[in-house]
Amino acid sequence: MSHLHTVKELLGIEEDKPRYECDCMDCEFLGCYEKYDLYFCTADGPELVFRVPEGKVTWISMDGAPHSKQPYIREAYRLAVQQGFLS
């Protein structure tokens, strides 16, 4: 039996649950990536939303997401496609 644990296991991070509060009724949680909670939001057109521990919220439209240099943006886009929010 292995006694090795991932950092996420040691910190109690579950990738299928948001870590930071979101009060937008139009946001759908996609998953976590590094310090970001990733969301798909339809409030102002389809956008990807990123929440971080400091309470800051950033978002990006779909236009540049698949080709972004930021890995968390590409991951949010991939998850949105995988979960059927985008085709």
C-alpha atoms as a PDB file:
ATOM      1  CA  MET A   1       0.000   0.000   0.000  1.00  0.00           C
ATOM      2  CA  SER A   2       1.376   3.374  -0.997  1.00  0.00           C
ATOM      3  CA  HIS A   3       1.616   6.237   1.459  1.00  0.00           C
ATOM      4  CA  LEU A   4       2.189   8.831  -1.264  1.00  0.00           C
ATOM      5  CA  HIS A   5      -0.447  11.524  -1.641  1.00  0.00           C
ATOM      6  CA  THR A   6      -0.907  14.260  -4.172  1.00  0.00           C
ATOM      7  CA  VAL A   7      -0.724  17.883  -3.046  1.00  0.00           C
ATOM      8  CA  LYS A   8      -4.440  18.210  -3.808  1.00  0.00           C
ATOM      9  CA  GLU A   9      -5.266  15.284  -1.536  1.00  0.00           C
ATOM     10  CA  LEU A  10      -3.148  16.734   1.272  1.00  0.00           C
ATOM     11  CA  LEU A  11      -4.818  20.135   0.937  1.00  0.00           C
ATOM     12  CA  GLY A  12      -8.289  18.622   0.619  1.00  0.00           C
ATOM     13  CA  ILE A  13      -8.912  20.139  -2.809  1.00  0.00           C
ATOM     14  CA  GLU A  14     -11.686  18.500  -4.798  1.00  0.00           C
ATOM     15  CA  GLU A  15     -11.654  19.415  -8.470  1.00  0.00           C
ATOM     16  CA  ASP A  16     -15.371  18.788  -8.863  1.00  0.00           C
ATOM     17  CA  LYS A  17     -16.388  21.407  -6.274  1.00  0.00           C
ATOM     18  CA  PRO A  18     -15.839  25.181  -6.375  1.00  0.00           C
ATOM     19  CA  ARG A  19     -13.452  26.600  -3.791  1.00  0.00           C
ATOM     20  CA  TYR A  20     -14.602  30.224  -4.000  1.00  0.00           C
ATOM     21  CA  GLU A  21     -18.092  31.673  -3.725  1.00  0.00           C
ATOM     22  CA  CYS A  22     -19.995  32.556  -6.895  1.00  0.00           C
ATOM     23  CA  ASP A  23     -23.386  34.253  -6.629  1.00  0.00           C
ATOM     24  CA  CYS A  24     -24.126  34.481 -10.360  1.00  0.00           C
ATOM     25  CA  MET A  25     -27.167  32.405 -11.314  1.00  0.00           C
ATOM     26  CA  ASP A  26     -25.892  32.196 -14.922  1.00  0.00           C
ATOM     27  CA  CYS A  27     -22.517  30.606 -14.080  1.00  0.00           C
ATOM     28  CA  GLU A  28     -21.917  26.878 -14.407  1.00  0.00           C
ATOM     29  CA  PHE A  29     -18.912  25.467 -12.574  1.00  0.00           C
ATOM     30  CA  LEU A  30     -16.494  23.682 -14.934  1.00  0.00           C
ATOM     31  CA  GLY A  31     -13.714  22.632 -12.574  1.00  0.00           C
ATOM     32  CA  CYS A  32     -10.507  23.885 -10.959  1.00  0.00           C
ATOM     33  CA  TYR A  33      -7.122  24.671 -12.442  1.00  0.00           C
ATOM     34  CA  GLU A  34      -4.264  25.716 -10.173  1.00  0.00           C
ATOM     35  CA  LYS A  35      -5.618  28.618  -8.088  1.00  0.00           C
ATOM     36  CA  TYR A  36      -8.602  29.225 -10.393  1.00  0.00           C
ATOM     37  CA  ASP A  37     -12.210  28.094 -10.182  1.00  0.00           C
ATOM     38  CA  LEU A  38     -13.401  27.895 -13.795  1.00  0.00           C
ATOM     39  CA  TYR A  39     -16.945  28.792 -14.859  1.00  0.00           C
ATOM     40  CA  PHE A  40     -18.982  29.086 -18.044  1.00  0.00           C
ATOM     41  CA  CYS A  41     -21.350  32.077 -17.878  1.00  0.00           C
ATOM     42  CA  THR A  42     -24.224  33.166 -20.133  1.00  0.00           C
ATOM     43  CA  ALA A  43     -25.171  36.417 -18.320  1.00  0.00           C
ATOM     44  CA  ASP A  44     -23.578  38.723 -20.934  1.00  0.00           C
ATOM     45  CA  GLY A  45     -23.151  36.241 -23.766  1.00  0.00           C
ATOM     46  CA  PRO A  46     -21.006  33.149 -23.482  1.00  0.00           C
ATOM     47  CA  GLU A  47     -17.917  33.917 -21.391  1.00  0.00           C
ATOM     48  CA  LEU A  48     -15.395  32.036 -19.334  1.00  0.00           C
ATOM     49  CA  VAL A  49     -15.122  33.274 -15.742  1.00  0.00           C
ATOM     50  CA  PHE A  50     -12.166  32.754 -13.416  1.00  0.00           C
ATOM     51  CA  ARG A  51     -12.387  33.164  -9.646  1.00  0.00           C
ATOM     52  CA  VAL A  52      -9.316  33.277  -7.386  1.00  0.00           C
ATOM     53  CA  PRO A  53      -8.755  33.257  -3.610  1.00  0.00           C
ATOM     54  CA  GLU A  54      -8.288  37.026  -3.415  1.00  0.00           C
ATOM     55  CA  GLY A  55     -11.935  37.431  -4.466  1.00  0.00           C
ATOM     56  CA  LYS A  56     -11.010  38.815  -7.869  1.00  0.00           C
ATOM     57  CA  VAL A  57     -13.049  37.758 -10.870  1.00  0.00           C
ATOM     58  CA  THR A  58     -11.844  37.895 -14.450  1.00  0.00           C
ATOM     59  CA  TRP A  59     -13.584  36.805 -17.599  1.00  0.00           C
ATOM     60  CA  ILE A  60     -12.888  36.360 -21.295  1.00  0.00           C
ATOM     61  CA  SER A  61     -15.119  36.044 -24.334  1.00  0.00           C
ATOM     62  CA  MET A  62     -14.976  32.900 -26.449  1.00  0.00           C
ATOM     63  CA  ASP A  63     -13.098  34.562 -29.336  1.00  0.00           C
ATOM     64  CA  GLY A  64      -9.575  34.292 -27.961  1.00  0.00           C
ATOM     65  CA  ALA A  65      -9.999  31.472 -25.455  1.00  0.00           C
ATOM     66  CA  PRO A  66      -8.926  28.459 -27.558  1.00  0.00           C
ATOM     67  CA  HIS A  67      -5.688  30.192 -28.600  1.00  0.00           C
ATOM     68  CA  SER A  68      -4.826  31.925 -25.334  1.00  0.00           C
ATOM     69  CA  LYS A  69      -1.273  31.739 -24.021  1.00  0.00           C
ATOM     70  CA  GLN A  70      -2.700  31.223 -20.513  1.00  0.00           C
ATOM     71  CA  PRO A  71      -3.130  27.514 -19.692  1.00  0.00           C
ATOM     72  CA  TYR A  72      -6.037  28.115 -17.283  1.00  0.00           C
ATOM     73  CA  ILE A  73      -7.997  29.821 -20.072  1.00  0.00           C
ATOM     74  CA  ARG A  74      -7.338  26.974 -22.508  1.00  0.00           C
ATOM     75  CA  GLU A  75      -8.357  24.471 -19.806  1.00  0.00           C
ATOM     76  CA  ALA A  76     -11.632  26.320 -19.129  1.00  0.00           C
ATOM     77  CA  TYR A  77     -12.397  26.320 -22.845  1.00  0.00           C
ATOM     78  CA  ARG A  78     -11.594  22.599 -23.114  1.00  0.00           C
ATOM     79  CA  LEU A  79     -13.857  21.810 -20.153  1.00  0.00           C
ATOM     80  CA  ALA A  80     -16.692  23.945 -21.572  1.00  0.00           C
ATOM     81  CA  VAL A  81     -16.508  21.974 -24.823  1.00  0.00           C
ATOM     82  CA  GLN A  82     -16.162  18.627 -23.017  1.00  0.00           C
ATOM     83  CA  GLN A  83     -19.200  19.375 -20.815  1.00  0.00           C
ATOM     84  CA  GLY A  84     -21.368  20.425 -23.780  1.00  0.00           C
ATOM     85  CA  PHE A  85     -21.554  24.192 -23.221  1.00  0.00           C
ATOM     86  CA  LEU A  86     -19.667  24.838 -26.474  1.00  0.00           C
ATOM     87  CA  SER A  87     -19.220  22.870 -29.655  1.00  0.00           C
END
